[in-house]
Amino acid sequence: MIRPATLADLPALTALEQELFGIDAWNEELVRQEIEGPGRRFLVAEDLSGYAVTMTAGDIVDLLRIAVRPESRRTGIASRLLEEALVDTEGASRMLLEVSVRNAEALGFYVARQFSVIDVRPHYYRDGSEALVMCRWLPGAARAETSTAHD
């Protein structure tokens, strides 16, 4: 089951963030800001084995994080988190994300879910690796375009 994060989840999510992202992890205050911030959605697996964070601004939803404990990977949690993140996107036309060129597993995950590379950000990560900017058009955008074309 996927649900919105609450402040009661803060200690566990901060610990998981540290475990998964190390030096690039959000600290407790940043995790709190993502849970409470305007335009943010912080979704968690019920057992806190994974989470996804989005930020909506205008017609864009940014997928800021999607992470799953190593022992829970390949169980469908990331797919369910992403599916839920794509629901109720408040009229946005597309979802964007950045992913390291070195993260082949994540790249495969996103490509299989209709994300396409639209840009490259050189030296984006602390290790010097490039980030690929990926985009997925949202279902509401296609419906809006179709209905406008026939009006």
N, C-alpha and C. Protein backbone atom coordinates (compact mmCIF):
# COMPACT_ATOMS: atom_id res chain seq x y z
N MET A 1 0.83 -1.18 0.00
CA MET A 1 0.00 0.00 0.00
C MET A 1 0.88 1.26 0.00
N ILE A 2 0.49 2.23 -0.78
CA ILE A 2 1.20 3.51 -0.86
C ILE A 2 0.33 4.56 -0.19
N ARG A 3 0.96 5.41 0.62
CA ARG A 3 0.24 6.46 1.34
C ARG A 3 1.10 7.71 1.44
N PRO A 4 0.48 8.85 1.78
CA PRO A 4 1.27 10.05 2.01
C PRO A 4 2.12 9.91 3.27
N ALA A 5 3.32 10.44 3.25
CA ALA A 5 4.17 10.46 4.44
C ALA A 5 3.58 11.41 5.48
N THR A 6 3.86 11.13 6.73
CA THR A 6 3.47 12.01 7.83
C THR A 6 4.71 12.35 8.64
N LEU A 7 4.58 13.33 9.51
CA LEU A 7 5.71 13.69 10.35
C LEU A 7 6.12 12.55 11.28
N ALA A 8 5.21 11.64 11.59
CA ALA A 8 5.55 10.48 12.40
C ALA A 8 6.58 9.59 11.68
N ASP A 9 6.62 9.67 10.34
CA ASP A 9 7.56 8.89 9.54
C ASP A 9 8.94 9.54 9.47
N LEU A 10 9.06 10.76 9.94
CA LEU A 10 10.28 11.55 9.74
C LEU A 10 11.55 10.84 10.18
N PRO A 11 11.64 10.27 11.39
CA PRO A 11 12.89 9.61 11.78
C PRO A 11 13.27 8.45 10.86
N ALA A 12 12.30 7.60 10.53
CA ALA A 12 12.59 6.45 9.67
C ALA A 12 12.97 6.90 8.26
N LEU A 13 12.30 7.91 7.74
CA LEU A 13 12.61 8.39 6.38
C LEU A 13 13.97 9.06 6.33
N THR A 14 14.32 9.81 7.38
CA THR A 14 15.64 10.44 7.43
C THR A 14 16.74 9.38 7.47
N ALA A 15 16.52 8.33 8.26
CA ALA A 15 17.50 7.24 8.33
C ALA A 15 17.63 6.53 6.99
N LEU A 16 16.51 6.28 6.33
CA LEU A 16 16.54 5.62 5.04
C LEU A 16 17.22 6.50 3.99
N GLU A 17 16.94 7.77 4.03
CA GLU A 17 17.57 8.73 3.12
C GLU A 17 19.09 8.67 3.29
N GLN A 18 19.56 8.66 4.54
CA GLN A 18 21.01 8.58 4.81
C GLN A 18 21.59 7.27 4.28
N GLU A 19 20.87 6.18 4.53
CA GLU A 19 21.34 4.86 4.08
C GLU A 19 21.47 4.79 2.57
N LEU A 20 20.51 5.36 1.85
CA LEU A 20 20.48 5.23 0.40
C LEU A 20 21.30 6.27 -0.35
N PHE A 21 21.43 7.48 0.21
CA PHE A 21 22.07 8.56 -0.54
C PHE A 21 23.37 9.07 0.07
N GLY A 22 23.73 8.59 1.26
CA GLY A 22 25.01 8.96 1.86
C GLY A 22 25.24 10.47 1.90
N ILE A 23 26.35 10.90 1.32
CA ILE A 23 26.73 12.31 1.35
C ILE A 23 25.72 13.22 0.66
N ASP A 24 24.94 12.67 -0.26
CA ASP A 24 23.94 13.45 -0.98
C ASP A 24 22.55 13.40 -0.34
N ALA A 25 22.47 12.79 0.84
CA ALA A 25 21.17 12.63 1.51
C ALA A 25 20.64 13.95 2.04
N TRP A 26 19.32 14.04 2.06
CA TRP A 26 18.66 15.17 2.72
C TRP A 26 18.74 14.94 4.22
N ASN A 27 18.97 16.02 4.97
CA ASN A 27 18.95 15.90 6.42
C ASN A 27 17.51 15.94 6.92
N GLU A 28 17.31 15.80 8.22
CA GLU A 28 15.96 15.72 8.77
C GLU A 28 15.12 16.95 8.43
N GLU A 29 15.72 18.13 8.47
CA GLU A 29 14.96 19.35 8.17
C GLU A 29 14.52 19.38 6.71
N LEU A 30 15.38 18.94 5.81
CA LEU A 30 15.00 18.90 4.40
C LEU A 30 13.91 17.86 4.15
N VAL A 31 13.99 16.72 4.81
CA VAL A 31 12.92 15.71 4.67
C VAL A 31 11.62 16.30 5.18
N ARG A 32 11.66 16.99 6.31
CA ARG A 32 10.46 17.64 6.86
C ARG A 32 9.88 18.64 5.86
N GLN A 33 10.74 19.44 5.24
CA GLN A 33 10.27 20.43 4.26
C GLN A 33 9.61 19.75 3.07
N GLU A 34 10.11 18.59 2.68
CA GLU A 34 9.50 17.88 1.56
C GLU A 34 8.15 17.28 1.95
N ILE A 35 8.01 16.87 3.19
CA ILE A 35 6.72 16.33 3.66
C ILE A 35 5.68 17.44 3.75
N GLU A 36 6.10 18.60 4.22
CA GLU A 36 5.15 19.69 4.50
C GLU A 36 5.07 20.76 3.42
N GLY A 37 6.02 20.79 2.51
CA GLY A 37 6.14 21.91 1.58
C GLY A 37 4.99 22.04 0.60
N PRO A 38 4.73 23.29 0.20
CA PRO A 38 3.68 23.52 -0.81
C PRO A 38 4.07 22.90 -2.15
N GLY A 39 3.10 22.31 -2.80
CA GLY A 39 3.34 21.69 -4.10
C GLY A 39 4.07 20.37 -4.03
N ARG A 40 4.34 19.88 -2.81
CA ARG A 40 5.08 18.63 -2.65
C ARG A 40 4.14 17.48 -2.38
N ARG A 41 4.53 16.30 -2.85
CA ARG A 41 3.88 15.04 -2.46
C ARG A 41 4.99 14.10 -2.04
N PHE A 42 4.90 13.59 -0.84
CA PHE A 42 5.88 12.65 -0.31
C PHE A 42 5.12 11.36 -0.04
N LEU A 43 5.33 10.39 -0.89
CA LEU A 43 4.62 9.12 -0.82
C LEU A 43 5.53 8.04 -0.26
N VAL A 44 4.96 7.15 0.54
CA VAL A 44 5.75 6.07 1.13
C VAL A 44 5.04 4.74 0.96
N ALA A 45 5.84 3.68 0.89
CA ALA A 45 5.29 2.33 1.02
C ALA A 45 4.91 2.19 2.49
N GLU A 46 3.83 1.50 2.76
CA GLU A 46 3.32 1.37 4.13
C GLU A 46 4.39 0.90 5.11
N ASP A 47 5.26 -0.01 4.67
CA ASP A 47 6.31 -0.52 5.56
C ASP A 47 7.57 0.35 5.55
N LEU A 48 7.50 1.49 4.88
CA LEU A 48 8.61 2.46 4.77
C LEU A 48 9.84 1.86 4.09
N SER A 49 9.62 0.91 3.19
CA SER A 49 10.72 0.32 2.44
C SER A 49 11.09 1.16 1.22
N GLY A 50 10.26 2.16 0.91
CA GLY A 50 10.55 3.01 -0.22
C GLY A 50 9.70 4.26 -0.18
N TYR A 51 10.11 5.25 -0.97
CA TYR A 51 9.39 6.52 -1.01
C TYR A 51 9.63 7.23 -2.33
N ALA A 52 8.73 8.15 -2.63
CA ALA A 52 8.85 9.00 -3.81
C ALA A 52 8.44 10.40 -3.40
N VAL A 53 9.14 11.39 -3.95
CA VAL A 53 8.86 12.79 -3.64
C VAL A 53 8.73 13.56 -4.95
N THR A 54 7.64 14.30 -5.07
CA THR A 54 7.45 15.16 -6.24
C THR A 54 7.20 16.59 -5.81
N MET A 55 7.46 17.49 -6.73
CA MET A 55 7.16 18.91 -6.55
C MET A 55 6.49 19.39 -7.83
N THR A 56 5.31 19.99 -7.67
CA THR A 56 4.59 20.51 -8.82
C THR A 56 4.74 22.02 -8.86
N ALA A 57 5.11 22.53 -10.01
CA ALA A 57 5.22 23.97 -10.24
C ALA A 57 4.68 24.24 -11.64
N GLY A 58 3.58 24.95 -11.71
CA GLY A 58 2.97 25.22 -13.00
C GLY A 58 2.53 23.94 -13.66
N ASP A 59 2.97 23.72 -14.90
CA ASP A 59 2.55 22.51 -15.61
C ASP A 59 3.58 21.40 -15.57
N ILE A 60 4.52 21.48 -14.62
CA ILE A 60 5.57 20.47 -14.51
C ILE A 60 5.54 19.83 -13.13
N VAL A 61 5.65 18.50 -13.13
CA VAL A 61 5.85 17.75 -11.89
C VAL A 61 7.28 17.26 -11.93
N ASP A 62 8.09 17.65 -10.95
CA ASP A 62 9.46 17.16 -10.84
C ASP A 62 9.47 15.96 -9.92
N LEU A 63 10.01 14.85 -10.39
CA LEU A 63 10.23 13.68 -9.54
C LEU A 63 11.57 13.91 -8.86
N LEU A 64 11.54 14.33 -7.60
CA LEU A 64 12.75 14.68 -6.88
C LEU A 64 13.50 13.46 -6.35
N ARG A 65 12.74 12.46 -5.91
CA ARG A 65 13.34 11.25 -5.36
C ARG A 65 12.40 10.09 -5.59
N ILE A 66 12.98 8.96 -5.86
CA ILE A 66 12.28 7.69 -5.76
C ILE A 66 13.35 6.71 -5.30
N ALA A 67 13.09 6.07 -4.18
CA ALA A 67 14.11 5.24 -3.56
C ALA A 67 13.47 4.05 -2.85
N VAL A 68 14.18 2.93 -2.92
CA VAL A 68 13.70 1.69 -2.30
C VAL A 68 14.89 1.01 -1.63
N ARG A 69 14.65 0.48 -0.44
CA ARG A 69 15.69 -0.29 0.27
C ARG A 69 16.24 -1.38 -0.67
N PRO A 70 17.55 -1.60 -0.63
CA PRO A 70 18.13 -2.62 -1.51
C PRO A 70 17.45 -3.99 -1.41
N GLU A 71 17.13 -4.42 -0.20
CA GLU A 71 16.52 -5.75 -0.05
C GLU A 71 15.07 -5.80 -0.53
N SER A 72 14.47 -4.64 -0.81
CA SER A 72 13.09 -4.60 -1.29
C SER A 72 12.99 -4.26 -2.77
N ARG A 73 14.12 -4.11 -3.43
CA ARG A 73 14.11 -3.79 -4.86
C ARG A 73 13.65 -4.99 -5.67
N ARG A 74 13.13 -4.69 -6.84
CA ARG A 74 12.60 -5.70 -7.77
C ARG A 74 11.39 -6.43 -7.21
N THR A 75 10.65 -5.75 -6.34
CA THR A 75 9.40 -6.30 -5.80
C THR A 75 8.19 -5.51 -6.27
N GLY A 76 8.42 -4.47 -7.09
CA GLY A 76 7.32 -3.66 -7.61
C GLY A 76 7.05 -2.40 -6.81
N ILE A 77 7.79 -2.17 -5.73
CA ILE A 77 7.53 -0.99 -4.90
C ILE A 77 7.79 0.29 -5.68
N ALA A 78 8.91 0.38 -6.38
CA ALA A 78 9.21 1.60 -7.14
C ALA A 78 8.14 1.85 -8.19
N SER A 79 7.68 0.80 -8.85
CA SER A 79 6.63 0.96 -9.86
C SER A 79 5.35 1.49 -9.23
N ARG A 80 4.98 0.94 -8.08
CA ARG A 80 3.76 1.41 -7.41
C ARG A 80 3.91 2.85 -6.93
N LEU A 81 5.08 3.20 -6.44
CA LEU A 81 5.32 4.58 -6.02
C LEU A 81 5.19 5.54 -7.20
N LEU A 82 5.80 5.18 -8.33
CA LEU A 82 5.72 6.03 -9.51
C LEU A 82 4.29 6.13 -10.01
N GLU A 83 3.59 5.01 -10.06
CA GLU A 83 2.18 5.04 -10.51
C GLU A 83 1.36 5.99 -9.64
N GLU A 84 1.56 5.94 -8.34
CA GLU A 84 0.82 6.83 -7.44
C GLU A 84 1.25 8.28 -7.64
N ALA A 85 2.54 8.52 -7.89
CA ALA A 85 3.03 9.88 -8.12
C ALA A 85 2.43 10.47 -9.39
N LEU A 86 2.05 9.61 -10.34
CA LEU A 86 1.46 10.09 -11.59
C LEU A 86 -0.03 10.39 -11.47
N VAL A 87 -0.64 10.01 -10.34
CA VAL A 87 -2.06 10.27 -10.10
C VAL A 87 -2.22 11.67 -9.51
N ASP A 88 -3.29 12.35 -9.88
CA ASP A 88 -3.58 13.68 -9.32
C ASP A 88 -2.41 14.64 -9.48
N THR A 89 -1.96 14.81 -10.69
CA THR A 89 -0.82 15.69 -10.96
C THR A 89 -1.25 17.14 -11.20
N GLU A 90 -2.45 17.46 -10.76
CA GLU A 90 -2.94 18.85 -10.72
C GLU A 90 -2.85 19.57 -12.06
N GLY A 91 -3.18 18.89 -13.14
CA GLY A 91 -3.22 19.53 -14.45
C GLY A 91 -1.86 19.73 -15.10
N ALA A 92 -0.83 19.14 -14.54
CA ALA A 92 0.50 19.26 -15.14
C ALA A 92 0.54 18.52 -16.47
N SER A 93 1.39 18.97 -17.37
CA SER A 93 1.49 18.34 -18.68
C SER A 93 2.60 17.30 -18.76
N ARG A 94 3.61 17.40 -17.87
CA ARG A 94 4.73 16.47 -17.96
C ARG A 94 5.42 16.30 -16.61
N MET A 95 6.11 15.17 -16.49
CA MET A 95 6.93 14.90 -15.32
C MET A 95 8.37 14.89 -15.77
N LEU A 96 9.23 15.56 -15.01
CA LEU A 96 10.66 15.61 -15.29
C LEU A 96 11.44 14.99 -14.15
N LEU A 97 12.65 14.51 -14.45
CA LEU A 97 13.54 14.00 -13.42
C LEU A 97 14.96 14.07 -13.93
N GLU A 98 15.91 13.98 -13.02
CA GLU A 98 17.32 13.85 -13.38
C GLU A 98 17.81 12.51 -12.85
N VAL A 99 18.65 11.86 -13.63
CA VAL A 99 19.23 10.57 -13.22
C VAL A 99 20.67 10.52 -13.73
N SER A 100 21.53 9.94 -12.93
CA SER A 100 22.93 9.83 -13.30
C SER A 100 23.11 8.89 -14.48
N VAL A 101 24.00 9.25 -15.39
CA VAL A 101 24.32 8.37 -16.51
C VAL A 101 24.92 7.06 -16.00
N ARG A 102 25.43 7.06 -14.79
CA ARG A 102 26.04 5.86 -14.20
C ARG A 102 25.02 4.92 -13.56
N ASN A 103 23.77 5.33 -13.49
CA ASN A 103 22.75 4.53 -12.82
C ASN A 103 21.92 3.76 -13.87
N ALA A 104 22.53 2.72 -14.41
CA ALA A 104 21.90 1.95 -15.50
C ALA A 104 20.57 1.35 -15.06
N GLU A 105 20.48 0.88 -13.83
CA GLU A 105 19.23 0.27 -13.35
C GLU A 105 18.09 1.29 -13.38
N ALA A 106 18.36 2.50 -12.88
CA ALA A 106 17.33 3.54 -12.87
C ALA A 106 16.97 3.97 -14.30
N LEU A 107 17.97 4.11 -15.14
CA LEU A 107 17.70 4.49 -16.54
C LEU A 107 16.76 3.48 -17.21
N GLY A 108 17.02 2.21 -17.01
CA GLY A 108 16.16 1.18 -17.57
C GLY A 108 14.75 1.25 -17.01
N PHE A 109 14.65 1.51 -15.71
CA PHE A 109 13.36 1.65 -15.05
C PHE A 109 12.55 2.77 -15.69
N TYR A 110 13.17 3.94 -15.87
CA TYR A 110 12.45 5.10 -16.41
C TYR A 110 12.10 4.92 -17.89
N VAL A 111 13.02 4.40 -18.68
CA VAL A 111 12.73 4.19 -20.10
C VAL A 111 11.55 3.23 -20.26
N ALA A 112 11.52 2.19 -19.43
CA ALA A 112 10.42 1.22 -19.50
C ALA A 112 9.08 1.84 -19.11
N ARG A 113 9.13 3.00 -18.48
CA ARG A 113 7.91 3.69 -18.03
C ARG A 113 7.67 4.98 -18.81
N GLN A 114 8.11 5.00 -20.04
CA GLN A 114 7.80 6.04 -21.02
C GLN A 114 8.51 7.37 -20.78
N PHE A 115 9.63 7.38 -20.07
CA PHE A 115 10.43 8.60 -19.94
C PHE A 115 11.45 8.62 -21.07
N SER A 116 11.71 9.81 -21.60
CA SER A 116 12.69 10.00 -22.67
C SER A 116 13.71 11.04 -22.23
N VAL A 117 14.94 10.89 -22.69
CA VAL A 117 15.99 11.85 -22.40
C VAL A 117 15.75 13.10 -23.23
N ILE A 118 15.74 14.27 -22.56
CA ILE A 118 15.54 15.53 -23.28
C ILE A 118 16.72 16.49 -23.12
N ASP A 119 17.63 16.20 -22.18
CA ASP A 119 18.76 17.10 -21.98
C ASP A 119 19.82 16.38 -21.16
N VAL A 120 21.03 16.95 -21.14
CA VAL A 120 22.14 16.43 -20.35
C VAL A 120 22.70 17.58 -19.52
N ARG A 121 22.96 17.31 -18.25
CA ARG A 121 23.58 18.30 -17.37
C ARG A 121 24.97 17.80 -16.99
N PRO A 122 26.01 18.39 -17.60
CA PRO A 122 27.37 17.92 -17.32
C PRO A 122 27.78 18.18 -15.87
N HIS A 123 28.56 17.27 -15.32
CA HIS A 123 29.13 17.43 -13.97
C HIS A 123 28.07 17.78 -12.93
N TYR A 124 26.92 17.17 -13.01
CA TYR A 124 25.78 17.50 -12.15
C TYR A 124 25.92 16.94 -10.75
N TYR A 125 26.47 15.74 -10.65
CA TYR A 125 26.57 15.07 -9.35
C TYR A 125 27.95 15.28 -8.74
N ARG A 126 28.03 15.08 -7.43
CA ARG A 126 29.29 15.31 -6.71
C ARG A 126 30.44 14.48 -7.26
N ASP A 127 30.13 13.30 -7.80
CA ASP A 127 31.18 12.44 -8.35
C ASP A 127 31.61 12.88 -9.75
N GLY A 128 31.01 13.98 -10.25
CA GLY A 128 31.36 14.51 -11.55
C GLY A 128 30.55 13.94 -12.70
N SER A 129 29.68 12.98 -12.42
CA SER A 129 28.91 12.37 -13.50
C SER A 129 27.83 13.30 -14.02
N GLU A 130 27.44 13.03 -15.26
CA GLU A 130 26.38 13.80 -15.90
C GLU A 130 25.03 13.34 -15.41
N ALA A 131 24.07 14.24 -15.47
CA ALA A 131 22.67 13.89 -15.22
C ALA A 131 21.95 13.92 -16.55
N LEU A 132 21.14 12.91 -16.78
CA LEU A 132 20.24 12.94 -17.91
C LEU A 132 18.91 13.50 -17.41
N VAL A 133 18.39 14.49 -18.10
CA VAL A 133 17.08 15.02 -17.78
C VAL A 133 16.09 14.22 -18.61
N MET A 134 15.12 13.64 -17.93
CA MET A 134 14.14 12.79 -18.62
C MET A 134 12.75 13.38 -18.44
N CYS A 135 11.90 13.12 -19.41
CA CYS A 135 10.54 13.68 -19.44
C CYS A 135 9.54 12.59 -19.79
N ARG A 136 8.40 12.67 -19.17
CA ARG A 136 7.25 11.83 -19.55
C ARG A 136 6.04 12.74 -19.62
N TRP A 137 5.36 12.70 -20.76
CA TRP A 137 4.11 13.45 -20.90
C TRP A 137 3.04 12.77 -20.08
N LEU A 138 2.23 13.54 -19.42
CA LEU A 138 1.20 13.00 -18.54
C LEU A 138 -0.10 12.79 -19.30
N PRO A 139 -0.89 11.82 -18.90
CA PRO A 139 -2.12 11.51 -19.61
C PRO A 139 -3.06 12.70 -19.76
N GLY A 140 -3.19 13.52 -18.76
CA GLY A 140 -4.06 14.68 -18.83
C GLY A 140 -3.65 15.65 -19.93
N ALA A 141 -2.35 15.73 -20.21
CA ALA A 141 -1.86 16.63 -21.25
C ALA A 141 -2.37 16.19 -22.62
N ALA A 142 -2.32 14.89 -22.87
CA ALA A 142 -2.78 14.37 -24.16
C ALA A 142 -4.28 14.58 -24.32
N ARG A 143 -5.04 14.35 -23.26
CA ARG A 143 -6.49 14.56 -23.33
C ARG A 143 -6.82 16.03 -23.56
N ALA A 144 -6.08 16.92 -22.90
CA ALA A 144 -6.34 18.35 -23.06
C ALA A 144 -6.04 18.77 -24.51
N GLU A 145 -4.94 18.28 -25.08
CA GLU A 145 -4.58 18.62 -26.45
C GLU A 145 -5.65 18.09 -27.42
N THR A 146 -6.11 16.87 -27.20
CA THR A 146 -7.10 16.27 -28.08
C THR A 146 -8.41 17.03 -28.00
N SER A 147 -8.84 17.37 -26.80
CA SER A 147 -10.12 18.07 -26.68
C SER A 147 -10.03 19.48 -27.27
N THR A 148 -8.88 20.13 -27.15
CA THR A 148 -8.72 21.47 -27.72
C THR A 148 -8.73 21.40 -29.24
N ALA A 149 -8.13 20.37 -29.81
CA ALA A 149 -8.05 20.24 -31.26
C ALA A 149 -9.44 20.04 -31.87
N HIS A 150 -10.37 19.44 -31.13
CA HIS A 150 -11.70 19.17 -31.66
C HIS A 150 -12.72 20.23 -31.30
N ASP A 151 -12.35 21.20 -30.50
CA ASP A 151 -13.31 22.26 -30.09
C ASP A 151 -13.58 23.23 -31.21
